[in-house]
Amino acid sequence: MSLLATTSLLVARVLPASEEVPFDDKGYHTEHWLFAPTWETIIASTASIIVFGLLYKFASPTVKQSFKDRTEGIQKELDDSAAAKSVAETEATRIREAKGDIDAERGRLYAEADAQAEALLTDGRARLDDEMADLEARSDADIDAAADRSADELRAEIARYSSKAVERIAYDTLDNTTQQELIESFISRVGASS
């Protein structure tokens, strides 16, 4: 049985019931159509005061602490968000400043790349000129060597054809005795020179 019901029964035994309160076959009717009987109001008020007093004494510190903790948590979140906003604004300012540096750096890198490209072109042209001069010198030397070889080959061919022609002419125009005299004179010249 609840505390309220127990208290109500005790008070009902102590306080006399009114003789005028009608009872009918459907149950108990109050003295007034809107308010509860006086003794129930007293009991309920006393019980409510006791409950609210106990709640105030024991629950209010916990409730106050929870509200305080909640307030501190919200304040911490506000402080954190303000700090984060400050950091973000600082970072945004640094990025904006760095953007100017990026443009300057981009210009410097483009200038370096142009200088390197120009140096490569100049170096490449110089190497090509050197290689072309070297190739021209080698080709001139090859042409001279080929000309000397062909001149030597031409002389050798002419000498060979000349010797055959002289031999043929000598054979056709000289008789046997004249050939014999020429051979003997050649042998005597070779023998005299050695």
C-alpha atoms as a PDB file:
ATOM      1  CA  MET A   1       0.000   0.000   0.000  1.00  0.00           C
ATOM      2  CA  SER A   2       1.304   3.469  -0.843  1.00  0.00           C
ATOM      3  CA  LEU A   3       2.262   6.101   1.649  1.00  0.00           C
ATOM      4  CA  LEU A   4      -0.591   8.346   0.522  1.00  0.00           C
ATOM      5  CA  ALA A   5      -3.194   5.635   0.934  1.00  0.00           C
ATOM      6  CA  THR A   6      -1.897   4.692   4.369  1.00  0.00           C
ATOM      7  CA  THR A   7      -1.870   8.303   5.499  1.00  0.00           C
ATOM      8  CA  SER A   8      -5.373   8.839   4.148  1.00  0.00           C
ATOM      9  CA  LEU A   9      -6.707   5.867   6.153  1.00  0.00           C
ATOM     10  CA  LEU A  10      -5.048   7.082   9.335  1.00  0.00           C
ATOM     11  CA  VAL A  11      -6.413  10.583   8.967  1.00  0.00           C
ATOM     12  CA  ALA A  12      -9.871   9.230   8.187  1.00  0.00           C
ATOM     13  CA  ARG A  13      -9.876   7.342  11.498  1.00  0.00           C
ATOM     14  CA  VAL A  14      -8.710  10.379  13.402  1.00  0.00           C
ATOM     15  CA  LEU A  15     -10.987  12.974  11.798  1.00  0.00           C
ATOM     16  CA  PRO A  16     -14.664  12.284  12.071  1.00  0.00           C
ATOM     17  CA  ALA A  17     -16.513  11.970   8.826  1.00  0.00           C
ATOM     18  CA  SER A  18     -19.204  14.430   8.065  1.00  0.00           C
ATOM     19  CA  GLU A  19     -22.753  13.216   8.457  1.00  0.00           C
ATOM     20  CA  GLU A  20     -23.928  15.256   5.547  1.00  0.00           C
ATOM     21  CA  VAL A  21     -21.821  13.606   2.868  1.00  0.00           C
ATOM     22  CA  PRO A  22     -24.204  11.502   0.893  1.00  0.00           C
ATOM     23  CA  PHE A  23     -23.492   7.920  -0.107  1.00  0.00           C
ATOM     24  CA  ASP A  24     -25.243   6.310  -2.974  1.00  0.00           C
ATOM     25  CA  ASP A  25     -25.173   3.003  -4.731  1.00  0.00           C
ATOM     26  CA  LYS A  26     -22.373   4.194  -7.086  1.00  0.00           C
ATOM     27  CA  GLY A  27     -19.868   5.166  -4.420  1.00  0.00           C
ATOM     28  CA  TYR A  28     -18.726   8.032  -2.322  1.00  0.00           C
ATOM     29  CA  HIS A  29     -19.618  11.660  -3.232  1.00  0.00           C
ATOM     30  CA  THR A  30     -17.740  14.676  -1.963  1.00  0.00           C
ATOM     31  CA  GLU A  31     -19.005  17.754  -0.124  1.00  0.00           C
ATOM     32  CA  HIS A  32     -18.303  19.946  -3.120  1.00  0.00           C
ATOM     33  CA  TRP A  33     -18.676  19.135  -6.735  1.00  0.00           C
ATOM     34  CA  LEU A  34     -15.161  20.521  -7.646  1.00  0.00           C
ATOM     35  CA  PHE A  35     -12.921  20.155  -4.521  1.00  0.00           C
ATOM     36  CA  ALA A  36     -11.865  17.053  -2.657  1.00  0.00           C
ATOM     37  CA  PRO A  37     -12.827  16.614   0.983  1.00  0.00           C
ATOM     38  CA  THR A  38     -10.837  18.759   3.411  1.00  0.00           C
ATOM     39  CA  TRP A  39      -9.096  15.925   5.227  1.00  0.00           C
ATOM     40  CA  GLU A  40      -7.903  14.448   1.826  1.00  0.00           C
ATOM     41  CA  THR A  41      -6.649  17.876   0.785  1.00  0.00           C
ATOM     42  CA  ILE A  42      -4.695  18.170   4.059  1.00  0.00           C
ATOM     43  CA  ILE A  43      -3.207  14.702   3.719  1.00  0.00           C
ATOM     44  CA  ALA A  44      -2.355  15.179   0.034  1.00  0.00           C
ATOM     45  CA  SER A  45      -0.834  18.619   0.709  1.00  0.00           C
ATOM     46  CA  THR A  46       1.240  17.270   3.590  1.00  0.00           C
ATOM     47  CA  ALA A  47       2.437  14.336   1.536  1.00  0.00           C
ATOM     48  CA  SER A  48       3.270  16.625  -1.393  1.00  0.00           C
ATOM     49  CA  ILE A  49       5.207  18.995   0.897  1.00  0.00           C
ATOM     50  CA  ILE A  50       7.149  16.047   2.334  1.00  0.00           C
ATOM     51  CA  VAL A  51       7.903  14.635  -1.140  1.00  0.00           C
ATOM     52  CA  PHE A  52       8.886  18.041  -2.541  1.00  0.00           C
ATOM     53  CA  GLY A  53      11.017  18.716   0.564  1.00  0.00           C
ATOM     54  CA  LEU A  54      12.815  15.418   0.167  1.00  0.00           C
ATOM     55  CA  LEU A  55      13.244  16.033  -3.548  1.00  0.00           C
ATOM     56  CA  TYR A  56      14.605  19.504  -2.823  1.00  0.00           C
ATOM     57  CA  LYS A  57      17.002  18.189  -0.204  1.00  0.00           C
ATOM     58  CA  PHE A  58      18.297  15.124  -2.023  1.00  0.00           C
ATOM     59  CA  ALA A  59      17.623  15.643  -5.730  1.00  0.00           C
ATOM     60  CA  SER A  60      18.245  19.362  -6.093  1.00  0.00           C
ATOM     61  CA  PRO A  61      22.070  19.130  -5.657  1.00  0.00           C
ATOM     62  CA  THR A  62      22.176  16.508  -8.386  1.00  0.00           C
ATOM     63  CA  VAL A  63      19.896  18.549 -10.634  1.00  0.00           C
ATOM     64  CA  LYS A  64      21.904  21.714  -9.927  1.00  0.00           C
ATOM     65  CA  GLN A  65      25.153  19.863 -10.656  1.00  0.00           C
ATOM     66  CA  SER A  66      23.754  18.448 -13.899  1.00  0.00           C
ATOM     67  CA  PHE A  67      22.618  21.942 -14.980  1.00  0.00           C
ATOM     68  CA  LYS A  68      26.023  23.324 -14.001  1.00  0.00           C
ATOM     69  CA  ASP A  69      27.795  20.550 -15.918  1.00  0.00           C
ATOM     70  CA  ARG A  70      25.551  21.136 -18.914  1.00  0.00           C
ATOM     71  CA  THR A  71      26.235  24.884 -18.770  1.00  0.00           C
ATOM     72  CA  GLU A  72      29.975  24.237 -18.528  1.00  0.00           C
ATOM     73  CA  GLY A  73      29.801  21.765 -21.436  1.00  0.00           C
ATOM     74  CA  ILE A  74      27.925  24.248 -23.590  1.00  0.00           C
ATOM     75  CA  GLN A  75      30.369  27.002 -22.611  1.00  0.00           C
ATOM     76  CA  LYS A  76      33.303  24.702 -23.454  1.00  0.00           C
ATOM     77  CA  GLU A  77      31.769  23.953 -26.857  1.00  0.00           C
ATOM     78  CA  LEU A  78      31.283  27.692 -27.439  1.00  0.00           C
ATOM     79  CA  ASP A  79      34.886  28.386 -26.413  1.00  0.00           C
ATOM     80  CA  ASP A  80      36.153  25.537 -28.608  1.00  0.00           C
ATOM     81  CA  SER A  81      34.145  26.781 -31.567  1.00  0.00           C
ATOM     82  CA  ALA A  82      35.437  30.340 -31.016  1.00  0.00           C
ATOM     83  CA  ALA A  83      39.007  29.001 -30.860  1.00  0.00           C
ATOM     84  CA  ALA A  84      38.428  26.906 -33.985  1.00  0.00           C
ATOM     85  CA  LYS A  85      36.985  29.938 -35.758  1.00  0.00           C
ATOM     86  CA  SER A  86      40.028  31.985 -34.749  1.00  0.00           C
ATOM     87  CA  VAL A  87      42.383  29.255 -35.985  1.00  0.00           C
ATOM     88  CA  ALA A  88      40.430  28.957 -39.241  1.00  0.00           C
ATOM     89  CA  GLU A  89      40.550  32.711 -39.790  1.00  0.00           C
ATOM     90  CA  THR A  90      44.306  32.719 -39.100  1.00  0.00           C
ATOM     91  CA  GLU A  91      44.782  29.810 -41.510  1.00  0.00           C
ATOM     92  CA  ALA A  92      42.649  31.554 -44.141  1.00  0.00           C
ATOM     93  CA  THR A  93      44.768  34.695 -43.788  1.00  0.00           C
ATOM     94  CA  ARG A  94      47.960  32.634 -44.093  1.00  0.00           C
ATOM     95  CA  ILE A  95      46.588  30.866 -47.178  1.00  0.00           C
ATOM     96  CA  ARG A  96      45.626  34.186 -48.754  1.00  0.00           C
ATOM     97  CA  GLU A  97      49.130  35.500 -48.079  1.00  0.00           C
ATOM     98  CA  ALA A  98      50.638  32.283 -49.412  1.00  0.00           C
ATOM     99  CA  LYS A  99      48.544  32.653 -52.556  1.00  0.00           C
ATOM    100  CA  GLY A 100      50.467  35.801 -53.355  1.00  0.00           C
ATOM    101  CA  ASP A 101      53.667  33.887 -52.678  1.00  0.00           C
ATOM    102  CA  ILE A 102      52.408  31.100 -54.939  1.00  0.00           C
ATOM    103  CA  ASP A 103      51.990  33.544 -57.809  1.00  0.00           C
ATOM    104  CA  ALA A 104      55.495  34.921 -57.207  1.00  0.00           C
ATOM    105  CA  GLU A 105      56.895  31.393 -56.907  1.00  0.00           C
ATOM    106  CA  ARG A 106      55.091  30.356 -60.099  1.00  0.00           C
ATOM    107  CA  GLY A 107      56.638  33.331 -61.912  1.00  0.00           C
ATOM    108  CA  ARG A 108      60.087  32.479 -60.554  1.00  0.00           C
ATOM    109  CA  LEU A 109      59.727  28.821 -61.586  1.00  0.00           C
ATOM    110  CA  TYR A 110      58.580  29.859 -65.075  1.00  0.00           C
ATOM    111  CA  ALA A 111      61.597  32.172 -65.375  1.00  0.00           C
ATOM    112  CA  GLU A 112      63.947  29.374 -64.260  1.00  0.00           C
ATOM    113  CA  ALA A 113      62.326  26.949 -66.715  1.00  0.00           C
ATOM    114  CA  ASP A 114      62.683  29.478 -69.547  1.00  0.00           C
ATOM    115  CA  ALA A 115      66.347  30.035 -68.649  1.00  0.00           C
ATOM    116  CA  GLN A 116      66.998  26.280 -68.533  1.00  0.00           C
ATOM    117  CA  ALA A 117      65.190  25.763 -71.837  1.00  0.00           C
ATOM    118  CA  GLU A 118      67.234  28.547 -73.442  1.00  0.00           C
ATOM    119  CA  ALA A 119      70.446  27.038 -72.046  1.00  0.00           C
ATOM    120  CA  LEU A 120      69.452  23.613 -73.384  1.00  0.00           C
ATOM    121  CA  LEU A 121      68.667  25.075 -76.805  1.00  0.00           C
ATOM    122  CA  THR A 122      71.962  26.973 -76.912  1.00  0.00           C
ATOM    123  CA  ASP A 123      73.895  23.912 -75.769  1.00  0.00           C
ATOM    124  CA  GLY A 124      72.029  21.673 -78.211  1.00  0.00           C
ATOM    125  CA  ARG A 125      72.684  24.056 -81.100  1.00  0.00           C
ATOM    126  CA  ALA A 126      76.388  24.255 -80.195  1.00  0.00           C
ATOM    127  CA  ARG A 127      76.641  20.453 -80.022  1.00  0.00           C
ATOM    128  CA  LEU A 128      74.804  20.113 -83.330  1.00  0.00           C
ATOM    129  CA  ASP A 129      77.154  22.646 -84.932  1.00  0.00           C
ATOM    130  CA  ASP A 130      80.177  20.750 -83.546  1.00  0.00           C
ATOM    131  CA  GLU A 131      78.773  17.434 -84.738  1.00  0.00           C
ATOM    132  CA  MET A 132      77.996  18.879 -88.168  1.00  0.00           C
ATOM    133  CA  ALA A 133      81.547  20.272 -88.462  1.00  0.00           C
ATOM    134  CA  ASP A 134      82.945  16.907 -87.361  1.00  0.00           C
ATOM    135  CA  LEU A 135      80.722  15.046 -89.849  1.00  0.00           C
ATOM    136  CA  GLU A 136      81.693  17.439 -92.635  1.00  0.00           C
ATOM    137  CA  ALA A 137      85.409  16.968 -91.812  1.00  0.00           C
ATOM    138  CA  ARG A 138      85.004  13.193 -91.772  1.00  0.00           C
ATOM    139  CA  SER A 139      83.020  13.204 -95.000  1.00  0.00           C
ATOM    140  CA  ASP A 140      85.668  15.436 -96.633  1.00  0.00           C
ATOM    141  CA  ALA A 141      88.372  13.035 -95.419  1.00  0.00           C
ATOM    142  CA  ASP A 142      86.347  10.062 -96.714  1.00  0.00           C
ATOM    143  CA  ILE A 143      85.852  11.798-100.067  1.00  0.00           C
ATOM    144  CA  ASP A 144      89.589  12.579-100.297  1.00  0.00           C
ATOM    145  CA  ALA A 145      90.475   8.986 -99.351  1.00  0.00           C
ATOM    146  CA  ALA A 146      87.976   7.623-101.871  1.00  0.00           C
ATOM    147  CA  ALA A 147      89.373   9.975-104.533  1.00  0.00           C
ATOM    148  CA  ASP A 148      92.944   8.848-103.749  1.00  0.00           C
ATOM    149  CA  ARG A 149      91.865   5.183-103.817  1.00  0.00           C
ATOM    150  CA  SER A 150      90.012   5.607-107.071  1.00  0.00           C
ATOM    151  CA  ALA A 151      92.990   7.500-108.568  1.00  0.00           C
ATOM    152  CA  ASP A 152      95.344   4.707-107.452  1.00  0.00           C
ATOM    153  CA  GLU A 153      92.933   2.086-108.802  1.00  0.00           C
ATOM    154  CA  LEU A 154      92.623   4.034-112.037  1.00  0.00           C
ATOM    155  CA  ARG A 155      96.432   4.251-112.370  1.00  0.00           C
ATOM    156  CA  ALA A 156      96.723   0.523-111.631  1.00  0.00           C
ATOM    157  CA  GLU A 157      94.027  -0.234-114.279  1.00  0.00           C
ATOM    158  CA  ILE A 158      95.724   2.051-116.785  1.00  0.00           C
ATOM    159  CA  ALA A 159      99.106   0.437-116.046  1.00  0.00           C
ATOM    160  CA  ARG A 160      97.618  -3.020-116.424  1.00  0.00           C
ATOM    161  CA  TYR A 161      95.842  -2.166-119.665  1.00  0.00           C
ATOM    162  CA  SER A 162      98.971  -0.353-120.879  1.00  0.00           C
ATOM    163  CA  SER A 163     101.191  -3.312-120.167  1.00  0.00           C
ATOM    164  CA  LYS A 164      98.759  -5.626-121.925  1.00  0.00           C
ATOM    165  CA  ALA A 165      98.492  -3.224-124.817  1.00  0.00           C
ATOM    166  CA  VAL A 166     102.290  -2.815-125.054  1.00  0.00           C
ATOM    167  CA  GLU A 167     102.718  -6.557-124.791  1.00  0.00           C
ATOM    168  CA  ARG A 168     100.138  -7.108-127.492  1.00  0.00           C
ATOM    169  CA  ILE A 169     101.642  -4.438-129.727  1.00  0.00           C
ATOM    170  CA  ALA A 170     105.142  -5.718-129.106  1.00  0.00           C
ATOM    171  CA  TYR A 171     104.047  -9.255-129.801  1.00  0.00           C
ATOM    172  CA  ASP A 172     102.199  -8.279-132.968  1.00  0.00           C
ATOM    173  CA  THR A 173     104.847  -5.906-134.333  1.00  0.00           C
ATOM    174  CA  LEU A 174     108.108  -7.500-133.224  1.00  0.00           C
ATOM    175  CA  ASP A 175     109.485 -10.623-134.734  1.00  0.00           C
ATOM    176  CA  ASN A 176     111.168 -13.412-132.834  1.00  0.00           C
ATOM    177  CA  THR A 177     114.727 -12.190-133.180  1.00  0.00           C
ATOM    178  CA  THR A 178     113.909  -8.664-131.997  1.00  0.00           C
ATOM    179  CA  GLN A 179     111.987 -10.093-129.022  1.00  0.00           C
ATOM    180  CA  GLN A 180     114.949 -12.279-128.198  1.00  0.00           C
ATOM    181  CA  GLU A 181     117.311  -9.300-128.274  1.00  0.00           C
ATOM    182  CA  LEU A 182     115.055  -7.236-126.001  1.00  0.00           C
ATOM    183  CA  ILE A 183     114.812 -10.041-123.442  1.00  0.00           C
ATOM    184  CA  GLU A 184     118.578 -10.520-123.414  1.00  0.00           C
ATOM    185  CA  SER A 185     119.248  -6.788-123.054  1.00  0.00           C
ATOM    186  CA  PHE A 186     116.750  -6.632-120.132  1.00  0.00           C
ATOM    187  CA  ILE A 187     118.451  -9.569-118.430  1.00  0.00           C
ATOM    188  CA  SER A 188     121.863  -7.989-118.868  1.00  0.00           C
ATOM    189  CA  ARG A 189     120.616  -4.644-117.420  1.00  0.00           C
ATOM    190  CA  VAL A 190     119.090  -6.410-114.423  1.00  0.00           C
ATOM    191  CA  GLY A 191     122.240  -8.419-113.916  1.00  0.00           C
ATOM    192  CA  ALA A 192     124.422  -5.287-114.265  1.00  0.00           C
ATOM    193  CA  SER A 193     122.340  -3.296-111.741  1.00  0.00           C
ATOM    194  CA  SER A 194     122.422  -6.075-109.164  1.00  0.00           C
END
